[in-house]
PDB file of N, CA and C in Angstrom:
ATOM      1  N   UNK A   1      -5.520 -44.620  38.819  1.00  0.00           N
ATOM      2  CA  UNK A   1      -5.842 -43.652  38.000  1.00  0.00           C
ATOM      3  C   UNK A   1      -5.983 -42.743  36.764  1.00  0.00           C
ATOM      4  N   UNK A   2      -6.854 -42.862  35.921  1.00  0.00           N
ATOM      5  CA  UNK A   2      -6.539 -42.208  34.923  1.00  0.00           C
ATOM      6  C   UNK A   2      -6.381 -40.461  34.499  1.00  0.00           C
ATOM      7  N   UNK A   3      -5.400 -40.442  34.515  1.00  0.00           N
ATOM      8  CA  UNK A   3      -4.823 -38.463  34.127  1.00  0.00           C
ATOM      9  C   UNK A   3      -5.134 -38.188  32.781  1.00  0.00           C
ATOM     10  N   UNK A   4      -5.676 -37.386  32.927  1.00  0.00           N
ATOM     11  CA  UNK A   4      -5.824 -36.794  31.136  1.00  0.00           C
ATOM     12  C   UNK A   4      -5.049 -35.497  31.145  1.00  0.00           C
ATOM     13  N   UNK A   5      -4.579 -35.108  29.788  1.00  0.00           N
ATOM     14  CA  UNK A   5      -3.097 -33.843  30.021  1.00  0.00           C
ATOM     15  C   UNK A   5      -3.837 -33.385  28.667  1.00  0.00           C
ATOM     16  N   UNK A   6      -4.523 -32.098  28.306  1.00  0.00           N
ATOM     17  CA  UNK A   6      -4.658 -31.639  26.973  1.00  0.00           C
ATOM     18  C   UNK A   6      -3.449 -30.618  27.304  1.00  0.00           C
ATOM     19  N   UNK A   7      -3.625 -30.306  25.958  1.00  0.00           N
ATOM     20  CA  UNK A   7      -2.178 -29.227  25.244  1.00  0.00           C
ATOM     21  C   UNK A   7      -2.826 -28.505  24.083  1.00  0.00           C
ATOM     22  N   UNK A   8      -1.814 -27.926  23.854  1.00  0.00           N
ATOM     23  CA  UNK A   8      -2.020 -27.249  22.603  1.00  0.00           C
ATOM     24  C   UNK A   8      -2.921 -25.851  21.893  1.00  0.00           C
ATOM     25  N   UNK A   9      -3.670 -25.431  23.055  1.00  0.00           N
ATOM     26  CA  UNK A   9      -4.844 -24.532  22.555  1.00  0.00           C
ATOM     27  C   UNK A   9      -4.156 -22.989  22.703  1.00  0.00           C
ATOM     28  N   UNK A  10      -4.879 -22.536  22.183  1.00  0.00           N
ATOM     29  CA  UNK A  10      -3.948 -20.930  21.964  1.00  0.00           C
ATOM     30  C   UNK A  10      -4.580 -20.248  21.502  1.00  0.00           C
ATOM     31  N   UNK A  11      -4.136 -18.726  20.929  1.00  0.00           N
ATOM     32  CA  UNK A  11      -4.711 -17.357  20.267  1.00  0.00           C
ATOM     33  C   UNK A  11      -5.159 -17.714  18.737  1.00  0.00           C
ATOM     34  N   UNK A  12      -5.631 -17.438  17.760  1.00  0.00           N
ATOM     35  CA  UNK A  12      -5.779 -17.898  16.698  1.00  0.00           C
ATOM     36  C   UNK A  12      -6.785 -17.084  15.958  1.00  0.00           C
ATOM     37  N   UNK A  13      -6.159 -17.029  14.548  1.00  0.00           N
ATOM     38  CA  UNK A  13      -7.013 -15.913  14.184  1.00  0.00           C
ATOM     39  C   UNK A  13      -8.362 -16.536  13.461  1.00  0.00           C
ATOM     40  N   UNK A  14      -9.592 -15.568  12.822  1.00  0.00           N
ATOM     41  CA  UNK A  14     -10.326 -16.956  12.131  1.00  0.00           C
ATOM     42  C   UNK A  14      -9.782 -17.456  10.641  1.00  0.00           C
ATOM     43  N   UNK A  15      -9.935 -18.767  10.223  1.00  0.00           N
ATOM     44  CA  UNK A  15      -9.479 -19.146   9.469  1.00  0.00           C
ATOM     45  C   UNK A  15      -8.003 -19.586   9.508  1.00  0.00           C
ATOM     46  N   UNK A  16      -7.488 -20.130  10.571  1.00  0.00           N
ATOM     47  CA  UNK A  16      -6.390 -20.504  11.153  1.00  0.00           C
ATOM     48  C   UNK A  16      -6.547 -22.106  11.635  1.00  0.00           C
ATOM     49  N   UNK A  17      -5.034 -22.677  11.959  1.00  0.00           N
ATOM     50  CA  UNK A  17      -5.099 -23.671  12.740  1.00  0.00           C
ATOM     51  C   UNK A  17      -4.568 -23.738  13.978  1.00  0.00           C
ATOM     52  N   UNK A  18      -4.963 -24.962  14.790  1.00  0.00           N
ATOM     53  CA  UNK A  18      -4.381 -25.414  15.699  1.00  0.00           C
ATOM     54  C   UNK A  18      -4.520 -26.860  15.734  1.00  0.00           C
ATOM     55  N   UNK A  19      -3.255 -27.708  16.685  1.00  0.00           N
ATOM     56  CA  UNK A  19      -3.501 -29.202  17.036  1.00  0.00           C
ATOM     57  C   UNK A  19      -3.706 -28.967  18.157  1.00  0.00           C
ATOM     58  N   UNK A  20      -4.532 -30.018  18.685  1.00  0.00           N
ATOM     59  CA  UNK A  20      -5.023 -30.367  20.198  1.00  0.00           C
ATOM     60  C   UNK A  20      -3.875 -31.567  20.531  1.00  0.00           C
ATOM     61  N   UNK A  21      -3.305 -31.655  21.698  1.00  0.00           N
ATOM     62  CA  UNK A  21      -3.254 -32.986  21.930  1.00  0.00           C
ATOM     63  C   UNK A  21      -3.792 -33.095  23.786  1.00  0.00           C
ATOM     64  N   UNK A  22      -3.763 -35.044  23.857  1.00  0.00           N
ATOM     65  CA  UNK A  22      -3.998 -35.134  24.865  1.00  0.00           C
ATOM     66  C   UNK A  22      -3.492 -36.359  25.486  1.00  0.00           C
ATOM     67  N   UNK A  23      -3.058 -36.194  26.436  1.00  0.00           N
ATOM     68  CA  UNK A  23      -2.118 -37.161  26.675  1.00  0.00           C
ATOM     69  C   UNK A  23      -2.619 -38.011  27.827  1.00  0.00           C
ATOM     70  N   UNK A  24      -2.794 -39.440  27.594  1.00  0.00           N
ATOM     71  CA  UNK A  24      -3.188 -40.241  28.990  1.00  0.00           C
ATOM     72  C   UNK A  24      -2.702 -41.568  28.864  1.00  0.00           C
ATOM     73  N   UNK A  25      -2.773 -41.541  30.947  1.00  0.00           N
ATOM     74  CA  UNK A  25      -2.059 -42.627  31.609  1.00  0.00           C
ATOM     75  C   UNK A  25      -2.909 -43.096  32.227  1.00  0.00           C
ATOM     76  N   UNK A  26      -2.337 -44.358  33.221  1.00  0.00           N
ATOM     77  CA  UNK A  26      -3.507 -44.749  34.297  1.00  0.00           C
ATOM     78  C   UNK A  26      -4.122 -46.068  33.191  1.00  0.00           C
ATOM     79  N   UNK A  27      -4.382 -46.319  31.529  1.00  0.00           N
ATOM     80  CA  UNK A  27      -5.178 -47.121  31.262  1.00  0.00           C
ATOM     81  C   UNK A  27      -3.991 -47.575  30.155  1.00  0.00           C
ATOM     82  N   UNK A  28      -5.468 -48.889  29.667  1.00  0.00           N
ATOM     83  CA  UNK A  28      -4.828 -49.464  28.666  1.00  0.00           C
ATOM     84  C   UNK A  28      -5.161 -48.527  27.538  1.00  0.00           C
ATOM     85  N   UNK A  29      -4.188 -47.302  26.871  1.00  0.00           N
ATOM     86  CA  UNK A  29      -5.195 -46.580  26.101  1.00  0.00           C
ATOM     87  C   UNK A  29      -5.570 -47.260  24.551  1.00  0.00           C
ATOM     88  N   UNK A  30      -4.861 -48.163  24.183  1.00  0.00           N
ATOM     89  CA  UNK A  30      -5.105 -48.660  22.980  1.00  0.00           C
ATOM     90  C   UNK A  30      -6.071 -49.587  22.670  1.00  0.00           C
ATOM     91  N   UNK A  31      -6.761 -49.524  23.858  1.00  0.00           N
ATOM     92  CA  UNK A  31      -8.083 -50.371  23.408  1.00  0.00           C
ATOM     93  C   UNK A  31      -9.006 -49.409  23.545  1.00  0.00           C
ATOM     94  N   UNK A  32      -9.019 -48.227  24.120  1.00  0.00           N
ATOM     95  CA  UNK A  32     -10.146 -47.355  24.493  1.00  0.00           C
ATOM     96  C   UNK A  32     -10.403 -46.348  22.991  1.00  0.00           C
ATOM     97  N   UNK A  33     -11.649 -46.480  22.479  1.00  0.00           N
ATOM     98  CA  UNK A  33     -12.254 -45.274  22.084  1.00  0.00           C
ATOM     99  C   UNK A  33     -11.806 -43.807  22.827  1.00  0.00           C
ATOM    100  N   UNK A  34     -11.401 -43.314  22.138  1.00  0.00           N
ATOM    101  CA  UNK A  34     -11.510 -41.459  23.543  1.00  0.00           C
ATOM    102  C   UNK A  34     -12.312 -40.211  22.280  1.00  0.00           C
ATOM    103  N   UNK A  35     -12.488 -39.005  22.523  1.00  0.00           N
ATOM    104  CA  UNK A  35     -13.360 -38.449  21.963  1.00  0.00           C
ATOM    105  C   UNK A  35     -12.901 -36.839  22.756  1.00  0.00           C
ATOM    106  N   UNK A  36     -13.271 -35.975  22.269  1.00  0.00           N
ATOM    107  CA  UNK A  36     -12.900 -34.449  22.228  1.00  0.00           C
ATOM    108  C   UNK A  36     -14.175 -34.273  22.474  1.00  0.00           C
ATOM    109  N   UNK A  37     -14.190 -33.026  23.787  1.00  0.00           N
ATOM    110  CA  UNK A  37     -15.616 -32.588  24.169  1.00  0.00           C
ATOM    111  C   UNK A  37     -15.014 -30.962  24.257  1.00  0.00           C
ATOM    112  N   UNK A  38     -15.916 -30.223  24.112  1.00  0.00           N
ATOM    113  CA  UNK A  38     -15.538 -28.283  24.223  1.00  0.00           C
ATOM    114  C   UNK A  38     -16.726 -27.761  24.459  1.00  0.00           C
ATOM    115  N   UNK A  39     -16.116 -26.779  25.962  1.00  0.00           N
ATOM    116  CA  UNK A  39     -17.537 -26.342  26.309  1.00  0.00           C
ATOM    117  C   UNK A  39     -17.248 -24.205  26.533  1.00  0.00           C
ATOM    118  N   UNK A  40     -17.873 -23.515  26.212  1.00  0.00           N
ATOM    119  CA  UNK A  40     -18.421 -22.384  26.550  1.00  0.00           C
ATOM    120  C   UNK A  40     -18.453 -22.286  27.830  1.00  0.00           C
ATOM    121  N   UNK A  41     -18.036 -21.491  28.672  1.00  0.00           N
ATOM    122  CA  UNK A  41     -18.058 -20.745  29.871  1.00  0.00           C
ATOM    123  C   UNK A  41     -19.716 -21.010  30.645  1.00  0.00           C
ATOM    124  N   UNK A  42     -20.404 -21.359  31.226  1.00  0.00           N
ATOM    125  CA  UNK A  42     -21.901 -20.997  31.273  1.00  0.00           C
ATOM    126  C   UNK A  42     -22.688 -21.999  30.834  1.00  0.00           C
ATOM    127  N   UNK A  43     -22.116 -22.903  30.143  1.00  0.00           N
ATOM    128  CA  UNK A  43     -22.711 -23.671  28.985  1.00  0.00           C
ATOM    129  C   UNK A  43     -22.674 -24.781  29.148  1.00  0.00           C
ATOM    130  N   UNK A  44     -22.927 -26.435  28.752  1.00  0.00           N
ATOM    131  CA  UNK A  44     -22.899 -27.231  28.659  1.00  0.00           C
ATOM    132  C   UNK A  44     -21.614 -28.074  27.982  1.00  0.00           C
ATOM    133  N   UNK A  45     -20.632 -28.955  28.608  1.00  0.00           N
ATOM    134  CA  UNK A  45     -19.910 -29.121  27.222  1.00  0.00           C
ATOM    135  C   UNK A  45     -20.682 -30.026  26.431  1.00  0.00           C
ATOM    136  N   UNK A  46     -19.427 -30.031  25.018  1.00  0.00           N
ATOM    137  CA  UNK A  46     -20.451 -30.347  24.059  1.00  0.00           C
ATOM    138  C   UNK A  46     -19.876 -31.203  23.069  1.00  0.00           C
ATOM    139  N   UNK A  47     -20.234 -32.582  22.929  1.00  0.00           N
ATOM    140  CA  UNK A  47     -19.174 -33.314  22.645  1.00  0.00           C
ATOM    141  C   UNK A  47     -19.206 -33.103  20.457  1.00  0.00           C
ATOM    142  N   UNK A  48     -17.456 -33.112  20.246  1.00  0.00           N
ATOM    143  CA  UNK A  48     -16.581 -32.711  19.251  1.00  0.00           C
ATOM    144  C   UNK A  48     -16.713 -33.767  18.080  1.00  0.00           C
ATOM    145  N   UNK A  49     -15.861 -34.697  18.403  1.00  0.00           N
ATOM    146  CA  UNK A  49     -15.496 -36.140  17.324  1.00  0.00           C
ATOM    147  C   UNK A  49     -15.174 -37.092  18.718  1.00  0.00           C
ATOM    148  N   UNK A  50     -15.258 -38.308  18.025  1.00  0.00           N
ATOM    149  CA  UNK A  50     -14.860 -39.388  18.878  1.00  0.00           C
ATOM    150  C   UNK A  50     -13.956 -40.319  17.681  1.00  0.00           C
ATOM    151  N   UNK A  51     -13.276 -41.386  18.566  1.00  0.00           N
ATOM    152  CA  UNK A  51     -12.267 -42.539  17.312  1.00  0.00           C
ATOM    153  C   UNK A  51     -11.826 -43.802  18.329  1.00  0.00           C
ATOM    154  N   UNK A  52     -12.504 -44.302  17.594  1.00  0.00           N
ATOM    155  CA  UNK A  52     -12.494 -45.717  18.034  1.00  0.00           C
ATOM    156  C   UNK A  52     -11.209 -46.213  18.063  1.00  0.00           C
ATOM    157  N   UNK A  53     -10.976 -47.657  19.138  1.00  0.00           N
ATOM    158  CA  UNK A  53      -9.527 -48.257  19.270  1.00  0.00           C
ATOM    159  C   UNK A  53      -9.222 -49.065  17.633  1.00  0.00           C
ATOM    160  N   UNK A  54     -10.678 -49.187  17.141  1.00  0.00           N
ATOM    161  CA  UNK A  54     -10.459 -49.366  15.522  1.00  0.00           C
ATOM    162  C   UNK A  54      -9.752 -47.887  14.719  1.00  0.00           C
ATOM    163  N   UNK A  55      -9.924 -47.170  15.075  1.00  0.00           N
ATOM    164  CA  UNK A  55      -9.544 -46.144  14.282  1.00  0.00           C
ATOM    165  C   UNK A  55     -10.500 -45.659  14.080  1.00  0.00           C
ATOM    166  N   UNK A  56     -12.079 -45.799  13.788  1.00  0.00           N
ATOM    167  CA  UNK A  56     -13.140 -45.392  13.442  1.00  0.00           C
ATOM    168  C   UNK A  56     -13.565 -43.947  14.005  1.00  0.00           C
ATOM    169  N   UNK A  57     -13.735 -42.868  13.001  1.00  0.00           N
ATOM    170  CA  UNK A  57     -14.084 -41.674  13.275  1.00  0.00           C
ATOM    171  C   UNK A  57     -15.112 -41.397  13.600  1.00  0.00           C
ATOM    172  N   UNK A  58     -15.605 -39.673  13.993  1.00  0.00           N
ATOM    173  CA  UNK A  58     -17.069 -39.153  13.607  1.00  0.00           C
ATOM    174  C   UNK A  58     -17.320 -38.134  14.478  1.00  0.00           C
ATOM    175  N   UNK A  59     -17.909 -37.308  14.090  1.00  0.00           N
ATOM    176  CA  UNK A  59     -18.102 -35.660  14.305  1.00  0.00           C
ATOM    177  C   UNK A  59     -18.759 -35.535  14.845  1.00  0.00           C
ATOM    178  N   UNK A  60     -19.071 -34.474  15.252  1.00  0.00           N
ATOM    179  CA  UNK A  60     -19.941 -33.488  15.240  1.00  0.00           C
ATOM    180  C   UNK A  60     -20.312 -32.549  14.208  1.00  0.00           C
ATOM    181  N   UNK A  61     -21.696 -32.508  13.463  1.00  0.00           N
ATOM    182  CA  UNK A  61     -21.928 -31.246  12.216  1.00  0.00           C
ATOM    183  C   UNK A  61     -21.162 -30.334  12.293  1.00  0.00           C
ATOM    184  N   UNK A  62     -21.448 -29.648  13.299  1.00  0.00           N
ATOM    185  CA  UNK A  62     -20.350 -28.522  13.332  1.00  0.00           C
ATOM    186  C   UNK A  62     -19.075 -28.342  13.318  1.00  0.00           C
ATOM    187  N   UNK A  63     -18.301 -29.258  13.191  1.00  0.00           N
ATOM    188  CA  UNK A  63     -16.854 -28.962  12.748  1.00  0.00           C
ATOM    189  C   UNK A  63     -16.510 -30.121  11.642  1.00  0.00           C
ATOM    190  N   UNK A  64     -17.463 -30.888  11.122  1.00  0.00           N
ATOM    191  CA  UNK A  64     -16.892 -32.482  10.238  1.00  0.00           C
ATOM    192  C   UNK A  64     -16.615 -31.193   8.648  1.00  0.00           C
ATOM    193  N   UNK A  65     -15.522 -31.454   8.449  1.00  0.00           N
ATOM    194  CA  UNK A  65     -14.585 -31.553   7.526  1.00  0.00           C
ATOM    195  C   UNK A  65     -13.785 -30.157   7.465  1.00  0.00           C
ATOM    196  N   UNK A  66     -13.626 -29.767   8.824  1.00  0.00           N
ATOM    197  CA  UNK A  66     -12.726 -28.503   9.467  1.00  0.00           C
ATOM    198  C   UNK A  66     -11.714 -29.608  10.362  1.00  0.00           C
ATOM    199  N   UNK A  67     -12.413 -30.595  11.257  1.00  0.00           N
ATOM    200  CA  UNK A  67     -10.688 -31.175  12.289  1.00  0.00           C
ATOM    201  C   UNK A  67     -11.107 -32.594  12.079  1.00  0.00           C
ATOM    202  N   UNK A  68     -10.287 -32.943  12.517  1.00  0.00           N
ATOM    203  CA  UNK A  68      -9.496 -34.056  12.292  1.00  0.00           C
ATOM    204  C   UNK A  68      -9.311 -34.687  13.383  1.00  0.00           C
ATOM    205  N   UNK A  69      -9.631 -35.606  14.133  1.00  0.00           N
ATOM    206  CA  UNK A  69      -9.406 -37.097  15.085  1.00  0.00           C
ATOM    207  C   UNK A  69      -8.603 -38.130  15.095  1.00  0.00           C
ATOM    208  N   UNK A  70      -7.432 -37.931  15.694  1.00  0.00           N
ATOM    209  CA  UNK A  70      -6.201 -39.411  15.287  1.00  0.00           C
ATOM    210  C   UNK A  70      -5.731 -39.545  17.101  1.00  0.00           C
ATOM    211  N   UNK A  71      -5.139 -40.456  17.032  1.00  0.00           N
ATOM    212  CA  UNK A  71      -4.898 -41.147  17.437  1.00  0.00           C
ATOM    213  C   UNK A  71      -3.056 -41.823  17.392  1.00  0.00           C
ATOM    214  N   UNK A  72      -2.094 -41.857  18.221  1.00  0.00           N
ATOM    215  CA  UNK A  72      -0.873 -42.306  19.182  1.00  0.00           C
ATOM    216  C   UNK A  72      -0.898 -43.168  19.852  1.00  0.00           C
ATOM    217  N   UNK A  73      -1.398 -44.828  19.126  1.00  0.00           N
ATOM    218  CA  UNK A  73      -1.104 -45.647  20.595  1.00  0.00           C
ATOM    219  C   UNK A  73       0.643 -45.565  21.394  1.00  0.00           C
ATOM    220  N   UNK A  74       1.657 -45.514  20.209  1.00  0.00           N
ATOM    221  CA  UNK A  74       2.621 -45.832  21.085  1.00  0.00           C
ATOM    222  C   UNK A  74       2.784 -44.656  22.471  1.00  0.00           C
ATOM    223  N   UNK A  75       2.323 -43.305  21.897  1.00  0.00           N
ATOM    224  CA  UNK A  75       2.478 -42.298  22.937  1.00  0.00           C
ATOM    225  C   UNK A  75       1.310 -41.776  23.794  1.00  0.00           C
ATOM    226  N   UNK A  76       0.373 -43.087  23.135  1.00  0.00           N
ATOM    227  CA  UNK A  76      -0.618 -43.084  24.311  1.00  0.00           C
ATOM    228  C   UNK A  76      -1.295 -41.320  24.220  1.00  0.00           C
ATOM    229  N   UNK A  77      -1.104 -40.981  22.754  1.00  0.00           N
ATOM    230  CA  UNK A  77      -2.027 -39.554  23.078  1.00  0.00           C
ATOM    231  C   UNK A  77      -3.029 -39.447  22.016  1.00  0.00           C
ATOM    232  N   UNK A  78      -4.240 -38.960  21.837  1.00  0.00           N
ATOM    233  CA  UNK A  78      -4.967 -38.264  20.462  1.00  0.00           C
ATOM    234  C   UNK A  78      -5.254 -37.017  20.298  1.00  0.00           C
ATOM    235  N   UNK A  79      -4.831 -36.798  19.147  1.00  0.00           N
ATOM    236  CA  UNK A  79      -4.633 -34.973  18.684  1.00  0.00           C
ATOM    237  C   UNK A  79      -6.042 -35.101  18.116  1.00  0.00           C
ATOM    238  N   UNK A  80      -6.210 -33.439  17.612  1.00  0.00           N
ATOM    239  CA  UNK A  80      -7.396 -32.789  17.140  1.00  0.00           C
ATOM    240  C   UNK A  80      -6.907 -31.748  16.521  1.00  0.00           C
ATOM    241  N   UNK A  81      -6.713 -32.119  15.420  1.00  0.00           N
ATOM    242  CA  UNK A  81      -6.090 -31.273  14.339  1.00  0.00           C
ATOM    243  C   UNK A  81      -7.295 -30.124  13.879  1.00  0.00           C
ATOM    244  N   UNK A  82      -7.688 -29.101  14.044  1.00  0.00           N
ATOM    245  CA  UNK A  82      -8.790 -28.215  13.550  1.00  0.00           C
ATOM    246  C   UNK A  82      -8.130 -27.079  12.490  1.00  0.00           C
ATOM    247  N   UNK A  83      -8.480 -26.914  11.837  1.00  0.00           N
ATOM    248  CA  UNK A  83      -8.696 -26.207  10.199  1.00  0.00           C
ATOM    249  C   UNK A  83      -9.930 -25.221  10.400  1.00  0.00           C
ATOM    250  N   UNK A  84      -9.424 -24.292   9.512  1.00  0.00           N
ATOM    251  CA  UNK A  84     -10.988 -23.169   9.362  1.00  0.00           C
ATOM    252  C   UNK A  84     -11.368 -22.936  10.265  1.00  0.00           C
ATOM    253  N   UNK A  85     -10.841 -22.320  11.842  1.00  0.00           N
ATOM    254  CA  UNK A  85     -11.360 -21.928  12.646  1.00  0.00           C
ATOM    255  C   UNK A  85     -12.182 -21.104  12.595  1.00  0.00           C
ATOM    256  N   UNK A  86     -13.371 -20.863  13.510  1.00  0.00           N
ATOM    257  CA  UNK A  86     -14.430 -19.350  13.428  1.00  0.00           C
ATOM    258  C   UNK A  86     -14.363 -19.115  14.816  1.00  0.00           C
ATOM    259  N   UNK A  87     -14.639 -18.184  14.927  1.00  0.00           N
ATOM    260  CA  UNK A  87     -15.336 -17.737  16.163  1.00  0.00           C
ATOM    261  C   UNK A  87     -15.996 -18.651  17.062  1.00  0.00           C
ATOM    262  N   UNK A  88     -16.633 -18.947  16.580  1.00  0.00           N
ATOM    263  CA  UNK A  88     -17.645 -19.948  17.312  1.00  0.00           C
ATOM    264  C   UNK A  88     -17.064 -21.731  17.949  1.00  0.00           C
ATOM    265  N   UNK A  89     -15.546 -21.577  17.264  1.00  0.00           N
ATOM    266  CA  UNK A  89     -15.251 -22.914  17.862  1.00  0.00           C
ATOM    267  C   UNK A  89     -14.177 -22.125  19.395  1.00  0.00           C
ATOM    268  N   UNK A  90     -14.487 -21.111  19.779  1.00  0.00           N
ATOM    269  CA  UNK A  90     -13.699 -20.481  20.834  1.00  0.00           C
ATOM    270  C   UNK A  90     -14.274 -21.103  22.068  1.00  0.00           C
ATOM    271  N   UNK A  91     -13.466 -22.187  22.587  1.00  0.00           N
ATOM    272  CA  UNK A  91     -14.022 -22.865  24.154  1.00  0.00           C
ATOM    273  C   UNK A  91     -12.631 -23.329  24.934  1.00  0.00           C
ATOM    274  N   UNK A  92     -12.971 -24.505  25.817  1.00  0.00           N
ATOM    275  CA  UNK A  92     -12.130 -24.930  26.316  1.00  0.00           C
ATOM    276  C   UNK A  92     -12.389 -25.807  25.900  1.00  0.00           C
ATOM    277  N   UNK A  93     -11.352 -27.356  25.399  1.00  0.00           N
ATOM    278  CA  UNK A  93     -11.179 -28.228  24.617  1.00  0.00           C
ATOM    279  C   UNK A  93     -10.877 -29.277  25.750  1.00  0.00           C
ATOM    280  N   UNK A  94     -11.645 -30.429  25.986  1.00  0.00           N
ATOM    281  CA  UNK A  94     -11.145 -31.729  26.579  1.00  0.00           C
ATOM    282  C   UNK A  94     -11.145 -32.970  26.049  1.00  0.00           C
ATOM    283  N   UNK A  95     -10.477 -33.985  26.533  1.00  0.00           N
ATOM    284  CA  UNK A  95     -10.676 -34.679  25.703  1.00  0.00           C
ATOM    285  C   UNK A  95     -10.942 -35.982  27.170  1.00  0.00           C
ATOM    286  N   UNK A  96     -11.752 -37.149  26.634  1.00  0.00           N
ATOM    287  CA  UNK A  96     -12.726 -38.358  27.523  1.00  0.00           C
ATOM    288  C   UNK A  96     -12.751 -39.597  27.189  1.00  0.00           C
ATOM    289  N   UNK A  97     -13.336 -40.386  27.513  1.00  0.00           N
ATOM    290  CA  UNK A  97     -14.216 -41.290  26.591  1.00  0.00           C
ATOM    291  C   UNK A  97     -15.278 -40.770  25.966  1.00  0.00           C
ATOM    292  N   UNK A  98     -15.738 -41.236  25.475  1.00  0.00           N
ATOM    293  CA  UNK A  98     -16.925 -41.275  24.186  1.00  0.00           C
ATOM    294  C   UNK A  98     -18.252 -41.040  25.731  1.00  0.00           C
ATOM    295  N   UNK A  99     -19.127 -40.917  25.103  1.00  0.00           N
ATOM    296  CA  UNK A  99     -20.442 -40.577  26.428  1.00  0.00           C
ATOM    297  C   UNK A  99     -21.013 -41.306  26.143  1.00  0.00           C
ATOM    298  N   UNK A 100     -21.003 -43.039  25.434  1.00  0.00           N
ATOM    299  CA  UNK A 100     -21.509 -44.051  25.907  1.00  0.00           C
ATOM    300  C   UNK A 100     -20.906 -44.605  27.161  1.00  0.00           C
ATOM    301  N   UNK A 101     -19.796 -43.964  27.233  1.00  0.00           N
ATOM    302  CA  UNK A 101     -18.663 -44.779  28.158  1.00  0.00           C
ATOM    303  C   UNK A 101     -18.808 -43.916  29.320  1.00  0.00           C
ATOM    304  N   UNK A 102     -18.439 -45.586  30.738  1.00  0.00           N
ATOM    305  CA  UNK A 102     -17.911 -44.195  31.570  1.00  0.00           C
ATOM    306  C   UNK A 102     -17.021 -43.192  31.326  1.00  0.00           C
ATOM    307  N   UNK A 103     -17.422 -42.117  32.174  1.00  0.00           N
ATOM    308  CA  UNK A 103     -15.903 -40.817  32.397  1.00  0.00           C
ATOM    309  C   UNK A 103     -15.329 -40.958  33.534  1.00  0.00           C
ATOM    310  N   UNK A 104     -14.044 -40.619  32.830  1.00  0.00           N
ATOM    311  CA  UNK A 104     -12.583 -40.844  33.252  1.00  0.00           C
ATOM    312  C   UNK A 104     -12.983 -39.113  34.200  1.00  0.00           C
ATOM    313  N   UNK A 105     -12.614 -38.860  35.357  1.00  0.00           N
ATOM    314  CA  UNK A 105     -12.122 -37.495  35.607  1.00  0.00           C
ATOM    315  C   UNK A 105     -11.862 -36.557  34.751  1.00  0.00           C
ATOM    316  N   UNK A 106     -12.405 -35.484  34.220  1.00  0.00           N
ATOM    317  CA  UNK A 106     -11.953 -34.850  33.703  1.00  0.00           C
ATOM    318  C   UNK A 106     -10.489 -34.023  34.056  1.00  0.00           C
ATOM    319  N   UNK A 107     -10.004 -33.601  32.582  1.00  0.00           N
ATOM    320  CA  UNK A 107      -8.369 -33.113  32.626  1.00  0.00           C
ATOM    321  C   UNK A 107      -8.847 -31.263  32.825  1.00  0.00           C
ATOM    322  N   UNK A 108      -7.593 -30.715  32.863  1.00  0.00           N
ATOM    323  CA  UNK A 108      -7.884 -29.023  32.870  1.00  0.00           C
ATOM    324  C   UNK A 108      -8.376 -28.310  32.098  1.00  0.00           C
ATOM    325  N   UNK A 109      -8.180 -28.946  30.496  1.00  0.00           N
ATOM    326  CA  UNK A 109      -8.607 -28.902  29.483  1.00  0.00           C
ATOM    327  C   UNK A 109      -7.945 -27.954  29.018  1.00  0.00           C
ATOM    328  N   UNK A 110      -7.580 -27.489  27.538  1.00  0.00           N
ATOM    329  CA  UNK A 110      -6.809 -26.525  26.816  1.00  0.00           C
ATOM    330  C   UNK A 110      -7.626 -25.150  26.713  1.00  0.00           C
ATOM    331  N   UNK A 111      -7.318 -23.938  26.759  1.00  0.00           N
ATOM    332  CA  UNK A 111      -8.447 -23.294  26.105  1.00  0.00           C
ATOM    333  C   UNK A 111      -8.283 -22.686  24.218  1.00  0.00           C
ATOM    334  N   UNK A 112      -9.034 -22.547  23.632  1.00  0.00           N
ATOM    335  CA  UNK A 112      -8.875 -22.072  22.205  1.00  0.00           C
ATOM    336  C   UNK A 112      -9.396 -20.902  22.070  1.00  0.00           C
ATOM    337  N   UNK A 113      -9.035 -20.170  21.331  1.00  0.00           N
ATOM    338  CA  UNK A 113      -9.831 -18.750  21.293  1.00  0.00           C
ATOM    339  C   UNK A 113      -9.460 -18.169  19.706  1.00  0.00           C
ATOM    340  N   UNK A 114     -10.627 -18.406  19.084  1.00  0.00           N
ATOM    341  CA  UNK A 114     -10.247 -17.560  17.723  1.00  0.00           C
ATOM    342  C   UNK A 114     -10.954 -16.455  17.669  1.00  0.00           C
ATOM    343  N   UNK A 115     -10.306 -15.258  17.253  1.00  0.00           N
ATOM    344  CA  UNK A 115     -10.563 -13.903  17.590  1.00  0.00           C
ATOM    345  C   UNK A 115      -9.183 -13.180  16.483  1.00  0.00           C
ATOM    346  N   UNK A 116      -9.740 -12.326  15.845  1.00  0.00           N
ATOM    347  CA  UNK A 116      -9.022 -11.145  15.123  1.00  0.00           C
ATOM    348  C   UNK A 116      -8.634 -10.480  16.158  1.00  0.00           C
TER     349      UNK A 116
END
């Protein structure tokens, strides 16, 4: 069974940066495209970014130019570097497969709060 463990969230001021990590186990990680999503309580989960097995990346317009998705296949980990954070980036962040693929069971997510 695939397990997803997100970490790295916290409280940051507007304009600040955070780096999220997602450790993946139970699958051949290097062969899988991965994605980050975020969810504000009471709303639908929103796709943020995707990285393919070949490291091709794609971003939601709302984060393009500010966020960077990357992966370390040796560590079975996918990252999300978030710069120039805005209050509207406040959400719980999750990793999983891209929307086009069968999703795994969601992890617990990591809370990101952007506030002064």
